[in-house]
Amino acid sequence: MVKGEALHIFVVDDEKVISDTLAVILRLNGFAATSFTNPLEALNNTPSGSPDLLVSDVVMPELSGIDLAIRIKEKYPNCKILLFSGQAATSDLLRSARERGHEFDLLTKPVHPADLLQRIRNLILD
């Protein structure tokens, strides 16, 4: 990210209303956000360069948010990752990722906008 430019965030959730709503909230708070409902589209589509942050649901068809995060990190090593989920199966997926050397932050659905913004600020400052 270039100093003075808005942080570019990819928001990925297979539920369009969630991805679009989170992207709007982020834009209203000064971020450049692009929403996706398909994780493969997010992985292969970089409309305005690489993302600075990926905010993704964990449980999605075609590619889990954890696998998406791993592949985004391989493609863009400086990209920060913030995952969210409302499903119990997430803990098993996260444990598997940790065993492979990947550590990701997780928010629980439903995500309150203030919590999301605070976690993003924390990641930016790390």
C-alpha atoms as a PDB file:
ATOM      1  CA  MET A   1       0.000   0.000   0.000  1.00  0.00           C
ATOM      2  CA  VAL A   2       1.281   3.448  -0.912  1.00  0.00           C
ATOM      3  CA  LYS A   3       1.164   6.047   1.845  1.00  0.00           C
ATOM      4  CA  GLY A   4      -1.892   8.248   1.464  1.00  0.00           C
ATOM      5  CA  GLU A   5      -3.862   5.659  -0.510  1.00  0.00           C
ATOM      6  CA  ALA A   6      -6.883   3.900   0.930  1.00  0.00           C
ATOM      7  CA  LEU A   7      -6.308   0.383   2.175  1.00  0.00           C
ATOM      8  CA  HIS A   8      -7.636  -1.997  -0.501  1.00  0.00           C
ATOM      9  CA  ILE A   9      -9.815  -4.732   1.007  1.00  0.00           C
ATOM     10  CA  PHE A  10     -11.305  -7.787  -0.692  1.00  0.00           C
ATOM     11  CA  VAL A  11     -14.549  -8.862   1.013  1.00  0.00           C
ATOM     12  CA  VAL A  12     -15.610 -12.429   0.175  1.00  0.00           C
ATOM     13  CA  ASP A  13     -18.840 -14.110   1.260  1.00  0.00           C
ATOM     14  CA  ASP A  14     -21.034 -16.424  -0.782  1.00  0.00           C
ATOM     15  CA  GLU A  15     -24.056 -14.478   0.500  1.00  0.00           C
ATOM     16  CA  LYS A  16     -24.204 -11.357  -1.684  1.00  0.00           C
ATOM     17  CA  VAL A  17     -26.037  -9.236   0.892  1.00  0.00           C
ATOM     18  CA  ILE A  18     -23.247  -9.873   3.420  1.00  0.00           C
ATOM     19  CA  SER A  19     -20.324  -9.192   1.063  1.00  0.00           C
ATOM     20  CA  ASP A  20     -21.982  -6.077  -0.357  1.00  0.00           C
ATOM     21  CA  THR A  21     -23.003  -4.734   3.067  1.00  0.00           C
ATOM     22  CA  LEU A  22     -19.529  -5.209   4.552  1.00  0.00           C
ATOM     23  CA  ALA A  23     -17.955  -3.537   1.505  1.00  0.00           C
ATOM     24  CA  VAL A  24     -20.278  -0.529   1.871  1.00  0.00           C
ATOM     25  CA  ILE A  25     -19.458  -0.241   5.595  1.00  0.00           C
ATOM     26  CA  LEU A  26     -15.746  -0.324   4.784  1.00  0.00           C
ATOM     27  CA  ARG A  27     -16.084   2.272   2.003  1.00  0.00           C
ATOM     28  CA  LEU A  28     -18.010   4.581   4.344  1.00  0.00           C
ATOM     29  CA  ASN A  29     -15.054   4.322   6.733  1.00  0.00           C
ATOM     30  CA  GLY A  30     -12.420   5.333   4.192  1.00  0.00           C
ATOM     31  CA  PHE A  31     -11.340   1.986   2.773  1.00  0.00           C
ATOM     32  CA  ALA A  32     -11.328   0.876  -0.865  1.00  0.00           C
ATOM     33  CA  ALA A  33     -13.372  -2.334  -0.762  1.00  0.00           C
ATOM     34  CA  THR A  34     -14.277  -4.799  -3.489  1.00  0.00           C
ATOM     35  CA  SER A  35     -16.926  -7.437  -2.751  1.00  0.00           C
ATOM     36  CA  PHE A  36     -16.979 -10.957  -4.170  1.00  0.00           C
ATOM     37  CA  THR A  37     -19.441 -13.829  -3.768  1.00  0.00           C
ATOM     38  CA  ASN A  38     -17.140 -16.370  -5.378  1.00  0.00           C
ATOM     39  CA  PRO A  39     -13.763 -17.051  -3.720  1.00  0.00           C
ATOM     40  CA  LEU A  40     -12.172 -18.159  -7.011  1.00  0.00           C
ATOM     41  CA  GLU A  41     -13.198 -14.854  -8.573  1.00  0.00           C
ATOM     42  CA  ALA A  42     -11.498 -12.990  -5.723  1.00  0.00           C
ATOM     43  CA  LEU A  43      -8.361 -15.065  -6.179  1.00  0.00           C
ATOM     44  CA  ASN A  44      -8.174 -14.522  -9.929  1.00  0.00           C
ATOM     45  CA  ASN A  45      -9.520 -10.974 -10.173  1.00  0.00           C
ATOM     46  CA  THR A  46      -7.375  -8.104  -9.066  1.00  0.00           C
ATOM     47  CA  PRO A  47      -9.259  -5.116 -10.512  1.00  0.00           C
ATOM     48  CA  SER A  48      -7.078  -2.504  -8.869  1.00  0.00           C
ATOM     49  CA  GLY A  49      -3.974  -4.385  -7.882  1.00  0.00           C
ATOM     50  CA  SER A  50      -3.291  -6.643  -4.969  1.00  0.00           C
ATOM     51  CA  PRO A  51      -5.409  -6.521  -1.830  1.00  0.00           C
ATOM     52  CA  ASP A  52      -3.906  -5.159   1.379  1.00  0.00           C
ATOM     53  CA  LEU A  53      -6.448  -7.134   3.398  1.00  0.00           C
ATOM     54  CA  LEU A  54      -8.720 -10.099   2.750  1.00  0.00           C
ATOM     55  CA  VAL A  55     -11.924 -10.301   4.814  1.00  0.00           C
ATOM     56  CA  SER A  56     -13.550 -13.638   4.066  1.00  0.00           C
ATOM     57  CA  ASP A  57     -16.214 -16.025   5.254  1.00  0.00           C
ATOM     58  CA  VAL A  58     -14.759 -19.447   6.050  1.00  0.00           C
ATOM     59  CA  VAL A  59     -17.438 -21.852   4.829  1.00  0.00           C
ATOM     60  CA  MET A  60     -18.159 -21.330   1.126  1.00  0.00           C
ATOM     61  CA  PRO A  61     -18.715 -23.573  -1.889  1.00  0.00           C
ATOM     62  CA  GLU A  62     -15.851 -24.284  -4.295  1.00  0.00           C
ATOM     63  CA  LEU A  63     -13.104 -22.993  -1.985  1.00  0.00           C
ATOM     64  CA  SER A  64     -13.119 -22.421   1.768  1.00  0.00           C
ATOM     65  CA  GLY A  65     -12.125 -19.039   3.125  1.00  0.00           C
ATOM     66  CA  ILE A  66      -9.099 -20.680   4.753  1.00  0.00           C
ATOM     67  CA  ASP A  67      -7.915 -22.155   1.445  1.00  0.00           C
ATOM     68  CA  LEU A  68      -8.590 -18.800  -0.207  1.00  0.00           C
ATOM     69  CA  ALA A  69      -6.532 -17.063   2.495  1.00  0.00           C
ATOM     70  CA  ILE A  70      -3.627 -19.477   2.000  1.00  0.00           C
ATOM     71  CA  ARG A  71      -3.688 -18.963  -1.773  1.00  0.00           C
ATOM     72  CA  ILE A  72      -3.978 -15.161  -1.439  1.00  0.00           C
ATOM     73  CA  LYS A  73      -0.985 -15.160   0.943  1.00  0.00           C
ATOM     74  CA  GLU A  74       1.003 -17.207  -1.587  1.00  0.00           C
ATOM     75  CA  LYS A  75       0.115 -14.734  -4.332  1.00  0.00           C
ATOM     76  CA  TYR A  76       0.327 -11.571  -2.159  1.00  0.00           C
ATOM     77  CA  PRO A  77       2.588 -12.266   0.857  1.00  0.00           C
ATOM     78  CA  ASN A  78       1.972  -8.826   2.412  1.00  0.00           C
ATOM     79  CA  CYS A  79      -1.818  -9.203   2.423  1.00  0.00           C
ATOM     80  CA  LYS A  80      -3.347  -9.367   5.903  1.00  0.00           C
ATOM     81  CA  ILE A  81      -6.144 -11.865   6.543  1.00  0.00           C
ATOM     82  CA  LEU A  82      -9.316 -11.608   8.635  1.00  0.00           C
ATOM     83  CA  LEU A  83     -11.771 -14.513   8.525  1.00  0.00           C
ATOM     84  CA  PHE A  84     -15.304 -14.732   9.879  1.00  0.00           C
ATOM     85  CA  SER A  85     -17.735 -17.588  10.338  1.00  0.00           C
ATOM     86  CA  GLY A  86     -20.922 -18.611  12.040  1.00  0.00           C
ATOM     87  CA  GLN A  87     -20.396 -22.355  11.709  1.00  0.00           C
ATOM     88  CA  ALA A  88     -18.957 -24.825  14.192  1.00  0.00           C
ATOM     89  CA  ALA A  89     -16.979 -26.669  11.473  1.00  0.00           C
ATOM     90  CA  THR A  90     -14.684 -23.665  11.280  1.00  0.00           C
ATOM     91  CA  SER A  91     -12.583 -24.751  14.273  1.00  0.00           C
ATOM     92  CA  ASP A  92     -11.555 -27.970  12.501  1.00  0.00           C
ATOM     93  CA  LEU A  93     -10.616 -26.038   9.359  1.00  0.00           C
ATOM     94  CA  LEU A  94      -8.581 -23.527  11.393  1.00  0.00           C
ATOM     95  CA  ARG A  95      -6.807 -26.317  13.284  1.00  0.00           C
ATOM     96  CA  SER A  96      -5.875 -27.961   9.973  1.00  0.00           C
ATOM     97  CA  ALA A  97      -4.522 -24.641   8.657  1.00  0.00           C
ATOM     98  CA  ARG A  98      -2.470 -24.129  11.855  1.00  0.00           C
ATOM     99  CA  GLU A  99      -0.985 -27.595  11.446  1.00  0.00           C
ATOM    100  CA  ARG A 100       0.177 -26.494   7.983  1.00  0.00           C
ATOM    101  CA  GLY A 101       1.778 -23.340   9.443  1.00  0.00           C
ATOM    102  CA  HIS A 102      -0.971 -20.771   8.784  1.00  0.00           C
ATOM    103  CA  GLU A 103      -2.393 -18.569  11.524  1.00  0.00           C
ATOM    104  CA  PHE A 104      -5.475 -16.437  10.834  1.00  0.00           C
ATOM    105  CA  ASP A 105      -7.636 -14.070  12.903  1.00  0.00           C
ATOM    106  CA  LEU A 106     -11.292 -15.085  13.187  1.00  0.00           C
ATOM    107  CA  LEU A 107     -14.454 -13.087  13.895  1.00  0.00           C
ATOM    108  CA  THR A 108     -17.729 -14.816  14.749  1.00  0.00           C
ATOM    109  CA  LYS A 109     -20.870 -14.113  12.694  1.00  0.00           C
ATOM    110  CA  PRO A 110     -22.851 -12.013  12.949  1.00  0.00           C
ATOM    111  CA  VAL A 111     -20.074  -9.441  12.730  1.00  0.00           C
ATOM    112  CA  HIS A 112     -20.866  -6.086  14.298  1.00  0.00           C
ATOM    113  CA  PRO A 113     -19.467  -3.249  12.143  1.00  0.00           C
ATOM    114  CA  ALA A 114     -17.625  -1.683  15.105  1.00  0.00           C
ATOM    115  CA  ASP A 115     -15.919  -5.028  15.850  1.00  0.00           C
ATOM    116  CA  LEU A 116     -14.946  -5.455  12.201  1.00  0.00           C
ATOM    117  CA  LEU A 117     -13.482  -1.950  11.988  1.00  0.00           C
ATOM    118  CA  GLN A 118     -11.559  -2.384  15.246  1.00  0.00           C
ATOM    119  CA  ARG A 119     -10.058  -5.713  14.114  1.00  0.00           C
ATOM    120  CA  ILE A 120      -9.049  -4.143  10.799  1.00  0.00           C
ATOM    121  CA  ARG A 121      -7.366  -1.250  12.630  1.00  0.00           C
ATOM    122  CA  ASN A 122      -5.546  -3.755  14.859  1.00  0.00           C
ATOM    123  CA  LEU A 123      -4.306  -5.680  11.801  1.00  0.00           C
ATOM    124  CA  ILE A 124      -3.145  -2.490  10.105  1.00  0.00           C
ATOM    125  CA  LEU A 125      -1.123  -1.485  13.159  1.00  0.00           C
ATOM    126  CA  ASP A 126       0.581  -4.902  13.452  1.00  0.00           C
END
